[in-house]
Every structure is written in C-alpha cells, then in structure tokens.
Amino acid sequence: MATMSLNVSTVKPLGDRVFVKISGKEEKTAGGIFLPDTAQEKPQIGEVSAIGAGKLDDNGVRQPLEVKVGDKVLYSKYAGNELKIDGVEYVLLAEKDILAIVS
C-alpha cells in the first residue's frame, strides 16, 4: 500500500465543504487561572484555509460559498471532522455549520 503525505495545499474540499484551521484553545481564564487540558473547551473559531466549489442546486447550477479563504469564522461546537496535519488542527465543515464571519 502506498502512503501519501497530506499538507494543507494538497487538501481540496468538495462541494459546499470548508477546511478551517482551528484557533488555539483558551489555556487560562480571564482571572488568570490556568486550565488543565481536560477542562479546556473546544474552540469554535477558526480561519478558512480552503473551500469547495459550491453546492449544486436542483437545476444543476453551482451556488458559490459565502465564505472565502482567509475569513475568520464561528462554527457549531460539535460540527465537522477534526484532522491534524503537520501538527496543526483543522476541521472540515459543511457551509451550513458556519454560523458567522468574525471581523
């Protein structure tokens, strides 16, 4: 079996999928208390690294995505599939799981 190394430039999402680089987890509270790994919440903000071509509607017309590469987005807490590539965490989401673009 041949092995293939993945990196962000070789991953191209299909359809309405979006590839998001996960922002770092909060390691301490606003009051300065450091949190152990088990108490840290799963992040919901990340930066779009790659996007698919868009979803096909009922007439076969491709609908473009509302987000673009480089956008910072807020996504559903338990949405998508998490991946780790070259030590960096990413999540592969459907566009419907993105809640907002953060400025």
N, C-alpha and C. Protein backbone atom coordinates (compact mmCIF):
# COMPACT_ATOMS: atom_id res chain seq x y z
N MET A 1 0.84 -1.17 0.00
CA MET A 1 0.00 0.00 0.00
C MET A 1 0.89 1.24 0.00
N ALA A 2 0.61 2.17 -0.87
CA ALA A 2 1.39 3.41 -0.97
C ALA A 2 0.91 4.39 0.09
N THR A 3 1.83 5.15 0.63
CA THR A 3 1.47 6.16 1.61
C THR A 3 1.51 7.53 0.94
N MET A 4 0.69 8.43 1.46
CA MET A 4 0.63 9.76 0.90
C MET A 4 0.70 10.76 2.05
N SER A 5 1.57 11.74 1.93
CA SER A 5 1.64 12.73 2.99
C SER A 5 0.69 13.87 2.65
N LEU A 6 -0.05 14.29 3.67
CA LEU A 6 -1.02 15.37 3.48
C LEU A 6 -0.43 16.68 3.95
N ASN A 7 -0.73 17.73 3.25
CA ASN A 7 -0.49 19.08 3.74
C ASN A 7 -1.66 19.94 3.26
N VAL A 8 -1.77 21.10 3.79
CA VAL A 8 -2.94 21.95 3.51
C VAL A 8 -3.10 22.24 2.02
N SER A 9 -2.02 22.38 1.31
CA SER A 9 -2.12 22.71 -0.11
C SER A 9 -2.60 21.54 -0.96
N THR A 10 -2.54 20.30 -0.44
CA THR A 10 -3.00 19.14 -1.20
C THR A 10 -4.43 18.74 -0.87
N VAL A 11 -5.05 19.38 0.12
CA VAL A 11 -6.42 19.07 0.50
C VAL A 11 -7.37 20.06 -0.17
N LYS A 12 -8.29 19.55 -0.99
CA LYS A 12 -9.27 20.39 -1.68
C LYS A 12 -10.67 19.89 -1.30
N PRO A 13 -11.41 20.67 -0.50
CA PRO A 13 -12.76 20.26 -0.12
C PRO A 13 -13.68 20.15 -1.34
N LEU A 14 -14.65 19.27 -1.26
CA LEU A 14 -15.62 19.08 -2.34
C LEU A 14 -16.93 19.77 -2.02
N GLY A 15 -17.65 20.17 -3.04
CA GLY A 15 -18.98 20.75 -2.88
C GLY A 15 -19.00 21.97 -1.99
N ASP A 16 -19.86 21.93 -0.96
CA ASP A 16 -20.00 23.07 -0.06
C ASP A 16 -19.19 22.89 1.23
N ARG A 17 -18.13 22.12 1.16
CA ARG A 17 -17.27 21.88 2.33
C ARG A 17 -16.24 23.00 2.47
N VAL A 18 -15.86 23.24 3.74
CA VAL A 18 -14.91 24.29 4.08
C VAL A 18 -13.87 23.70 5.02
N PHE A 19 -12.59 23.97 4.76
CA PHE A 19 -11.48 23.48 5.55
C PHE A 19 -11.01 24.63 6.43
N VAL A 20 -11.12 24.48 7.77
CA VAL A 20 -10.87 25.57 8.71
C VAL A 20 -9.73 25.20 9.66
N LYS A 21 -8.77 26.12 9.81
CA LYS A 21 -7.69 25.96 10.78
C LYS A 21 -8.22 26.42 12.13
N ILE A 22 -8.19 25.52 13.12
CA ILE A 22 -8.75 25.80 14.44
C ILE A 22 -7.86 26.77 15.21
N SER A 23 -8.47 27.79 15.81
CA SER A 23 -7.73 28.72 16.66
C SER A 23 -7.33 28.00 17.95
N GLY A 24 -6.30 28.50 18.62
CA GLY A 24 -5.81 27.89 19.85
C GLY A 24 -6.85 27.87 20.95
N LYS A 25 -6.74 26.87 21.83
CA LYS A 25 -7.64 26.74 22.96
C LYS A 25 -7.27 27.74 24.04
N GLU A 26 -8.27 28.16 24.80
CA GLU A 26 -8.03 29.06 25.93
C GLU A 26 -7.35 28.25 27.03
N GLU A 27 -6.13 28.65 27.39
CA GLU A 27 -5.39 27.92 28.41
C GLU A 27 -5.51 28.53 29.79
N LYS A 28 -6.06 29.76 29.88
CA LYS A 28 -6.31 30.33 31.19
C LYS A 28 -7.56 31.20 31.15
N THR A 29 -8.16 31.38 32.31
CA THR A 29 -9.39 32.15 32.42
C THR A 29 -9.08 33.63 32.39
N ALA A 30 -10.14 34.44 32.33
CA ALA A 30 -9.97 35.89 32.35
C ALA A 30 -9.33 36.35 33.65
N GLY A 31 -9.53 35.59 34.72
CA GLY A 31 -8.94 35.92 36.02
C GLY A 31 -7.50 35.45 36.17
N GLY A 32 -6.96 34.75 35.17
CA GLY A 32 -5.57 34.31 35.20
C GLY A 32 -5.34 32.90 35.68
N ILE A 33 -6.40 32.12 35.90
CA ILE A 33 -6.25 30.74 36.36
C ILE A 33 -5.98 29.85 35.16
N PHE A 34 -4.90 29.05 35.23
CA PHE A 34 -4.56 28.13 34.15
C PHE A 34 -5.47 26.91 34.20
N LEU A 35 -5.97 26.52 33.02
CA LEU A 35 -6.88 25.38 32.91
C LEU A 35 -6.13 24.13 32.46
N PRO A 36 -6.40 22.97 33.08
CA PRO A 36 -5.80 21.73 32.58
C PRO A 36 -6.46 21.34 31.27
N ASP A 37 -5.82 20.46 30.49
CA ASP A 37 -6.35 20.05 29.19
C ASP A 37 -7.78 19.53 29.28
N THR A 38 -8.10 18.82 30.36
CA THR A 38 -9.43 18.22 30.49
C THR A 38 -10.52 19.26 30.72
N ALA A 39 -10.16 20.45 31.20
CA ALA A 39 -11.15 21.50 31.48
C ALA A 39 -11.28 22.51 30.36
N GLN A 40 -10.42 22.44 29.35
CA GLN A 40 -10.46 23.41 28.26
C GLN A 40 -11.62 23.10 27.32
N GLU A 41 -12.33 24.15 26.92
CA GLU A 41 -13.44 23.97 25.99
C GLU A 41 -12.94 23.86 24.56
N LYS A 42 -13.71 23.16 23.76
CA LYS A 42 -13.40 23.01 22.35
C LYS A 42 -13.59 24.36 21.65
N PRO A 43 -12.58 24.85 20.90
CA PRO A 43 -12.72 26.14 20.23
C PRO A 43 -13.78 26.10 19.14
N GLN A 44 -14.39 27.25 18.87
CA GLN A 44 -15.41 27.36 17.84
C GLN A 44 -15.07 28.42 16.80
N ILE A 45 -13.85 28.95 16.86
CA ILE A 45 -13.43 29.98 15.91
C ILE A 45 -12.20 29.48 15.17
N GLY A 46 -12.15 29.75 13.87
CA GLY A 46 -11.00 29.35 13.08
C GLY A 46 -10.91 30.18 11.81
N GLU A 47 -9.83 29.93 11.07
CA GLU A 47 -9.59 30.65 9.82
C GLU A 47 -9.77 29.70 8.65
N VAL A 48 -10.52 30.12 7.64
CA VAL A 48 -10.78 29.31 6.46
C VAL A 48 -9.47 29.13 5.68
N SER A 49 -9.09 27.87 5.45
CA SER A 49 -7.86 27.56 4.73
C SER A 49 -8.12 27.14 3.28
N ALA A 50 -9.27 26.51 3.03
CA ALA A 50 -9.63 26.08 1.67
C ALA A 50 -11.14 25.92 1.60
N ILE A 51 -11.70 26.12 0.41
CA ILE A 51 -13.14 25.96 0.22
C ILE A 51 -13.40 25.12 -1.02
N GLY A 52 -14.58 24.50 -1.03
CA GLY A 52 -15.00 23.74 -2.20
C GLY A 52 -15.58 24.66 -3.26
N ALA A 53 -16.03 24.06 -4.36
CA ALA A 53 -16.55 24.84 -5.48
C ALA A 53 -17.97 25.34 -5.26
N GLY A 54 -18.68 24.77 -4.30
CA GLY A 54 -20.05 25.17 -4.02
C GLY A 54 -21.01 24.02 -4.26
N LYS A 55 -22.20 24.15 -3.72
CA LYS A 55 -23.21 23.10 -3.83
C LYS A 55 -24.03 23.27 -5.10
N LEU A 56 -24.42 22.16 -5.70
CA LEU A 56 -25.29 22.19 -6.88
C LEU A 56 -26.74 22.31 -6.44
N ASP A 57 -27.50 23.23 -7.05
CA ASP A 57 -28.92 23.32 -6.73
C ASP A 57 -29.71 22.32 -7.57
N ASP A 58 -31.02 22.35 -7.48
CA ASP A 58 -31.88 21.40 -8.19
C ASP A 58 -31.78 21.51 -9.70
N ASN A 59 -31.37 22.68 -10.22
CA ASN A 59 -31.24 22.89 -11.66
C ASN A 59 -29.84 22.59 -12.17
N GLY A 60 -28.94 22.13 -11.29
CA GLY A 60 -27.58 21.83 -11.70
C GLY A 60 -26.66 23.03 -11.74
N VAL A 61 -27.11 24.15 -11.18
CA VAL A 61 -26.30 25.37 -11.15
C VAL A 61 -25.52 25.39 -9.83
N ARG A 62 -24.23 25.65 -9.92
CA ARG A 62 -23.38 25.67 -8.73
C ARG A 62 -23.58 26.98 -7.97
N GLN A 63 -23.88 26.87 -6.68
CA GLN A 63 -24.08 28.02 -5.81
C GLN A 63 -22.76 28.33 -5.09
N PRO A 64 -22.18 29.51 -5.28
CA PRO A 64 -20.90 29.82 -4.64
C PRO A 64 -21.05 29.93 -3.12
N LEU A 65 -19.96 29.69 -2.42
CA LEU A 65 -19.96 29.78 -0.96
C LEU A 65 -19.90 31.24 -0.52
N GLU A 66 -20.43 31.53 0.68
CA GLU A 66 -20.41 32.89 1.21
C GLU A 66 -19.08 33.23 1.85
N VAL A 67 -18.32 32.22 2.26
CA VAL A 67 -17.02 32.47 2.89
C VAL A 67 -15.91 32.33 1.87
N LYS A 68 -14.76 32.93 2.17
CA LYS A 68 -13.61 32.81 1.28
C LYS A 68 -12.37 32.49 2.12
N VAL A 69 -11.32 32.06 1.47
CA VAL A 69 -10.07 31.73 2.15
C VAL A 69 -9.57 32.97 2.89
N GLY A 70 -9.20 32.78 4.14
CA GLY A 70 -8.70 33.88 4.96
C GLY A 70 -9.74 34.44 5.92
N ASP A 71 -11.03 34.15 5.70
CA ASP A 71 -12.08 34.62 6.61
C ASP A 71 -11.94 33.93 7.97
N LYS A 72 -12.19 34.68 9.03
CA LYS A 72 -12.24 34.12 10.38
C LYS A 72 -13.71 33.81 10.64
N VAL A 73 -14.03 32.56 11.02
CA VAL A 73 -15.42 32.14 11.15
C VAL A 73 -15.71 31.54 12.51
N LEU A 74 -16.97 31.63 12.90
CA LEU A 74 -17.51 31.00 14.10
C LEU A 74 -18.34 29.82 13.60
N TYR A 75 -18.07 28.61 14.13
CA TYR A 75 -18.79 27.43 13.66
C TYR A 75 -19.40 26.66 14.82
N SER A 76 -20.33 25.77 14.53
CA SER A 76 -21.01 24.98 15.55
C SER A 76 -20.00 24.16 16.34
N LYS A 77 -20.27 24.00 17.62
CA LYS A 77 -19.33 23.39 18.56
C LYS A 77 -18.93 21.96 18.19
N TYR A 78 -19.88 21.12 17.83
CA TYR A 78 -19.57 19.72 17.56
C TYR A 78 -19.72 19.36 16.08
N ALA A 79 -19.57 20.33 15.20
CA ALA A 79 -19.73 20.12 13.77
C ALA A 79 -18.43 19.66 13.12
N GLY A 80 -18.55 18.98 12.00
CA GLY A 80 -17.40 18.66 11.17
C GLY A 80 -16.53 17.52 11.65
N ASN A 81 -15.46 17.30 10.90
CA ASN A 81 -14.49 16.25 11.19
C ASN A 81 -13.15 16.90 11.49
N GLU A 82 -12.58 16.57 12.64
CA GLU A 82 -11.29 17.15 13.01
C GLU A 82 -10.15 16.36 12.40
N LEU A 83 -9.13 17.08 11.93
CA LEU A 83 -7.94 16.48 11.33
C LEU A 83 -6.72 17.17 11.90
N LYS A 84 -5.61 16.45 11.97
CA LYS A 84 -4.35 17.06 12.39
C LYS A 84 -3.36 16.83 11.25
N ILE A 85 -2.88 17.93 10.66
CA ILE A 85 -1.94 17.86 9.55
C ILE A 85 -0.70 18.66 9.92
N ASP A 86 0.45 18.03 9.89
CA ASP A 86 1.72 18.67 10.25
C ASP A 86 1.65 19.33 11.63
N GLY A 87 0.96 18.68 12.56
CA GLY A 87 0.87 19.19 13.93
C GLY A 87 -0.12 20.31 14.14
N VAL A 88 -0.85 20.71 13.10
CA VAL A 88 -1.84 21.79 13.19
C VAL A 88 -3.23 21.17 13.10
N GLU A 89 -4.14 21.64 13.96
CA GLU A 89 -5.50 21.11 13.97
C GLU A 89 -6.41 21.86 13.00
N TYR A 90 -7.18 21.09 12.25
CA TYR A 90 -8.14 21.62 11.28
C TYR A 90 -9.47 20.93 11.48
N VAL A 91 -10.52 21.52 10.96
CA VAL A 91 -11.84 20.90 10.95
C VAL A 91 -12.42 21.07 9.54
N LEU A 92 -13.02 20.00 9.02
CA LEU A 92 -13.66 20.01 7.71
C LEU A 92 -15.16 20.10 7.95
N LEU A 93 -15.77 21.22 7.52
CA LEU A 93 -17.16 21.53 7.80
C LEU A 93 -17.99 21.66 6.54
N ALA A 94 -19.29 21.45 6.67
CA ALA A 94 -20.23 21.85 5.63
C ALA A 94 -20.51 23.33 5.84
N GLU A 95 -20.78 24.08 4.79
CA GLU A 95 -21.02 25.52 4.92
C GLU A 95 -22.16 25.81 5.89
N LYS A 96 -23.15 24.95 5.97
CA LYS A 96 -24.29 25.18 6.86
C LYS A 96 -23.89 25.18 8.34
N ASP A 97 -22.73 24.59 8.67
CA ASP A 97 -22.26 24.55 10.06
C ASP A 97 -21.54 25.82 10.47
N ILE A 98 -21.28 26.72 9.51
CA ILE A 98 -20.65 28.00 9.83
C ILE A 98 -21.75 28.97 10.24
N LEU A 99 -21.60 29.55 11.43
CA LEU A 99 -22.63 30.42 11.98
C LEU A 99 -22.43 31.89 11.62
N ALA A 100 -21.16 32.33 11.54
CA ALA A 100 -20.91 33.75 11.30
C ALA A 100 -19.47 33.96 10.82
N ILE A 101 -19.25 35.08 10.14
CA ILE A 101 -17.91 35.53 9.81
C ILE A 101 -17.53 36.56 10.86
N VAL A 102 -16.38 36.36 11.50
CA VAL A 102 -15.92 37.23 12.59
C VAL A 102 -14.94 38.25 12.03
N SER A 103 -15.14 39.53 12.36
CA SER A 103 -14.23 40.56 11.85
C SER A 103 -13.24 40.98 12.91
